[in-house]
C-alpha atoms as a PDB file:
ATOM      1  CA  UNK A   1     -34.886 -30.376  -6.363  1.00  0.00           C
ATOM      2  CA  UNK A   2     -35.894 -29.137  -2.914  1.00  0.00           C
ATOM      3  CA  UNK A   3     -32.555 -30.209  -1.555  1.00  0.00           C
ATOM      4  CA  UNK A   4     -30.767 -28.166  -4.263  1.00  0.00           C
ATOM      5  CA  UNK A   5     -32.771 -25.025  -3.444  1.00  0.00           C
ATOM      6  CA  UNK A   6     -32.181 -25.489   0.275  1.00  0.00           C
ATOM      7  CA  UNK A   7     -28.415 -25.773  -0.169  1.00  0.00           C
ATOM      8  CA  UNK A   8     -28.300 -22.618  -2.338  1.00  0.00           C
ATOM      9  CA  UNK A   9     -30.041 -20.541   0.321  1.00  0.00           C
ATOM     10  CA  UNK A  10     -27.650 -21.408   3.134  1.00  0.00           C
ATOM     11  CA  UNK A  11     -25.360 -18.628   4.287  1.00  0.00           C
ATOM     12  CA  UNK A  12     -21.723 -19.397   4.707  1.00  0.00           C
ATOM     13  CA  UNK A  13     -20.041 -17.518   7.506  1.00  0.00           C
ATOM     14  CA  UNK A  14     -16.562 -16.374   6.585  1.00  0.00           C
ATOM     15  CA  UNK A  15     -14.211 -17.274   9.377  1.00  0.00           C
ATOM     16  CA  UNK A  16     -11.178 -15.074   9.924  1.00  0.00           C
ATOM     17  CA  UNK A  17      -8.062 -17.202  10.217  1.00  0.00           C
ATOM     18  CA  UNK A  18      -5.781 -16.349  13.104  1.00  0.00           C
ATOM     19  CA  UNK A  19      -2.161 -17.438  13.024  1.00  0.00           C
ATOM     20  CA  UNK A  20       0.428 -17.487  15.762  1.00  0.00           C
ATOM     21  CA  UNK A  21       1.810 -14.007  15.065  1.00  0.00           C
ATOM     22  CA  UNK A  22      -0.801 -12.235  12.966  1.00  0.00           C
ATOM     23  CA  UNK A  23      -4.009 -11.318  14.735  1.00  0.00           C
ATOM     24  CA  UNK A  24      -6.922  -9.019  14.097  1.00  0.00           C
ATOM     25  CA  UNK A  25      -9.311  -8.298  11.281  1.00  0.00           C
ATOM     26  CA  UNK A  26      -8.412  -8.931   7.669  1.00  0.00           C
ATOM     27  CA  UNK A  27      -7.524  -5.246   7.226  1.00  0.00           C
ATOM     28  CA  UNK A  28      -5.290  -5.285  10.304  1.00  0.00           C
ATOM     29  CA  UNK A  29      -3.598  -8.460   9.086  1.00  0.00           C
ATOM     30  CA  UNK A  30      -2.853  -6.896   5.700  1.00  0.00           C
ATOM     31  CA  UNK A  31      -1.341  -3.823   7.376  1.00  0.00           C
ATOM     32  CA  UNK A  32       0.841  -6.083   9.525  1.00  0.00           C
ATOM     33  CA  UNK A  33       2.038  -7.986   6.459  1.00  0.00           C
ATOM     34  CA  UNK A  34       2.746  -4.741   4.580  1.00  0.00           C
ATOM     35  CA  UNK A  35       5.026  -3.613   7.417  1.00  0.00           C
ATOM     36  CA  UNK A  36       7.043  -6.819   6.987  1.00  0.00           C
ATOM     37  CA  UNK A  37       7.995  -5.803   3.433  1.00  0.00           C
ATOM     38  CA  UNK A  38       9.799  -2.693   4.779  1.00  0.00           C
ATOM     39  CA  UNK A  39       9.650  -0.732   1.576  1.00  0.00           C
ATOM     40  CA  UNK A  40      12.193  -0.774  -1.226  1.00  0.00           C
ATOM     41  CA  UNK A  41      15.341  -1.454   0.822  1.00  0.00           C
ATOM     42  CA  UNK A  42      15.326  -5.233   0.350  1.00  0.00           C
ATOM     43  CA  UNK A  43      14.925  -4.783  -3.401  1.00  0.00           C
ATOM     44  CA  UNK A  44      17.870  -2.384  -3.397  1.00  0.00           C
ATOM     45  CA  UNK A  45      20.127  -5.009  -1.795  1.00  0.00           C
ATOM     46  CA  UNK A  46      19.253  -7.415  -4.603  1.00  0.00           C
ATOM     47  CA  UNK A  47      19.698  -4.688  -7.208  1.00  0.00           C
ATOM     48  CA  UNK A  48      23.097  -3.722  -5.764  1.00  0.00           C
ATOM     49  CA  UNK A  49      24.277  -7.305  -6.046  1.00  0.00           C
ATOM     50  CA  UNK A  50      23.106  -7.455  -9.666  1.00  0.00           C
ATOM     51  CA  UNK A  51      24.920  -4.189 -10.478  1.00  0.00           C
ATOM     52  CA  UNK A  52      28.158  -5.648  -9.114  1.00  0.00           C
ATOM     53  CA  UNK A  53      27.693  -8.718 -11.280  1.00  0.00           C
ATOM     54  CA  UNK A  54      26.904  -6.450 -14.242  1.00  0.00           C
ATOM     55  CA  UNK A  55      30.174  -4.579 -13.695  1.00  0.00           C
ATOM     56  CA  UNK A  56      32.220  -7.796 -13.692  1.00  0.00           C
ATOM     57  CA  UNK A  57      30.373  -9.100 -16.722  1.00  0.00           C
ATOM     58  CA  UNK A  58      31.386  -5.926 -18.562  1.00  0.00           C
ATOM     59  CA  UNK A  59      34.984  -6.240 -17.403  1.00  0.00           C
ATOM     60  CA  UNK A  60      35.031  -9.793 -18.765  1.00  0.00           C
ATOM     61  CA  UNK A  61      33.146  -8.736 -21.907  1.00  0.00           C
ATOM     62  CA  UNK A  62      30.594 -11.430 -21.107  1.00  0.00           C
ATOM     63  CA  UNK A  63      27.688  -9.672 -22.822  1.00  0.00           C
ATOM     64  CA  UNK A  64      25.214 -12.524 -22.407  1.00  0.00           C
ATOM     65  CA  UNK A  65      25.747 -12.495 -18.647  1.00  0.00           C
ATOM     66  CA  UNK A  66      25.489  -8.696 -18.633  1.00  0.00           C
ATOM     67  CA  UNK A  67      22.148  -8.878 -20.458  1.00  0.00           C
ATOM     68  CA  UNK A  68      21.012 -11.489 -17.941  1.00  0.00           C
ATOM     69  CA  UNK A  69      21.888  -9.188 -15.026  1.00  0.00           C
ATOM     70  CA  UNK A  70      20.076  -6.254 -16.637  1.00  0.00           C
ATOM     71  CA  UNK A  71      16.940  -8.361 -17.032  1.00  0.00           C
ATOM     72  CA  UNK A  72      17.174  -9.455 -13.390  1.00  0.00           C
ATOM     73  CA  UNK A  73      17.538  -5.829 -12.277  1.00  0.00           C
ATOM     74  CA  UNK A  74      14.530  -4.801 -14.359  1.00  0.00           C
ATOM     75  CA  UNK A  75      12.480  -7.668 -12.928  1.00  0.00           C
ATOM     76  CA  UNK A  76      13.436  -6.787  -9.349  1.00  0.00           C
ATOM     77  CA  UNK A  77      12.539  -3.149  -9.810  1.00  0.00           C
ATOM     78  CA  UNK A  78       9.315  -3.928 -11.667  1.00  0.00           C
ATOM     79  CA  UNK A  79       8.266  -6.420  -9.004  1.00  0.00           C
ATOM     80  CA  UNK A  80       8.825  -3.896  -6.232  1.00  0.00           C
ATOM     81  CA  UNK A  81       7.872  -0.604  -7.882  1.00  0.00           C
ATOM     82  CA  UNK A  82       4.491  -0.451  -6.157  1.00  0.00           C
ATOM     83  CA  UNK A  83       6.085  -0.692  -2.718  1.00  0.00           C
ATOM     84  CA  UNK A  84       7.748   2.718  -2.951  1.00  0.00           C
ATOM     85  CA  UNK A  85       5.698   4.830  -5.345  1.00  0.00           C
ATOM     86  CA  UNK A  86       7.832   7.894  -4.558  1.00  0.00           C
ATOM     87  CA  UNK A  87      10.610   6.216  -6.568  1.00  0.00           C
ATOM     88  CA  UNK A  88       8.513   6.030  -9.752  1.00  0.00           C
ATOM     89  CA  UNK A  89      10.545   8.677 -11.623  1.00  0.00           C
ATOM     90  CA  UNK A  90      13.801   6.826 -10.900  1.00  0.00           C
ATOM     91  CA  UNK A  91      12.254   3.526 -11.941  1.00  0.00           C
ATOM     92  CA  UNK A  92      10.902   4.981 -15.187  1.00  0.00           C
ATOM     93  CA  UNK A  93      14.357   6.428 -15.929  1.00  0.00           C
ATOM     94  CA  UNK A  94      15.937   3.019 -15.397  1.00  0.00           C
ATOM     95  CA  UNK A  95      13.681   1.490 -18.044  1.00  0.00           C
ATOM     96  CA  UNK A  96      15.157   3.794 -20.670  1.00  0.00           C
ATOM     97  CA  UNK A  97      18.439   1.835 -20.479  1.00  0.00           C
ATOM     98  CA  UNK A  98      19.193  -0.489 -23.330  1.00  0.00           C
ATOM     99  CA  UNK A  99      20.714  -3.914 -23.015  1.00  0.00           C
ATOM    100  CA  UNK A 100      24.497  -4.189 -23.056  1.00  0.00           C
ATOM    101  CA  UNK A 101      24.476  -6.214 -26.289  1.00  0.00           C
ATOM    102  CA  UNK A 102      22.723  -3.324 -28.056  1.00  0.00           C
ATOM    103  CA  UNK A 103      25.390  -0.906 -26.857  1.00  0.00           C
ATOM    104  CA  UNK A 104      28.356  -2.878 -28.283  1.00  0.00           C
END
């Protein structure tokens, strides 16, 4: 019982991990990582690709593939919406779109 009480009272020092490229306090490390995300531009590249695929799916009247692309676009935007909060109005507008199969 004494051993159990002794082990509960021990402090554990939290050690800050330092990698090869990311140094500093935990707050500084988080800021460094945030800079690596670069905002919404990477998400827009993915979204642009999906829009192109959506266009061709419509041209081919492949409505299942079009629905798939719409879901991928929604997921990409939803995943990244917190990166660029100034785009919230545009993102909310996008979510008012219906799936292609509902528009037929």
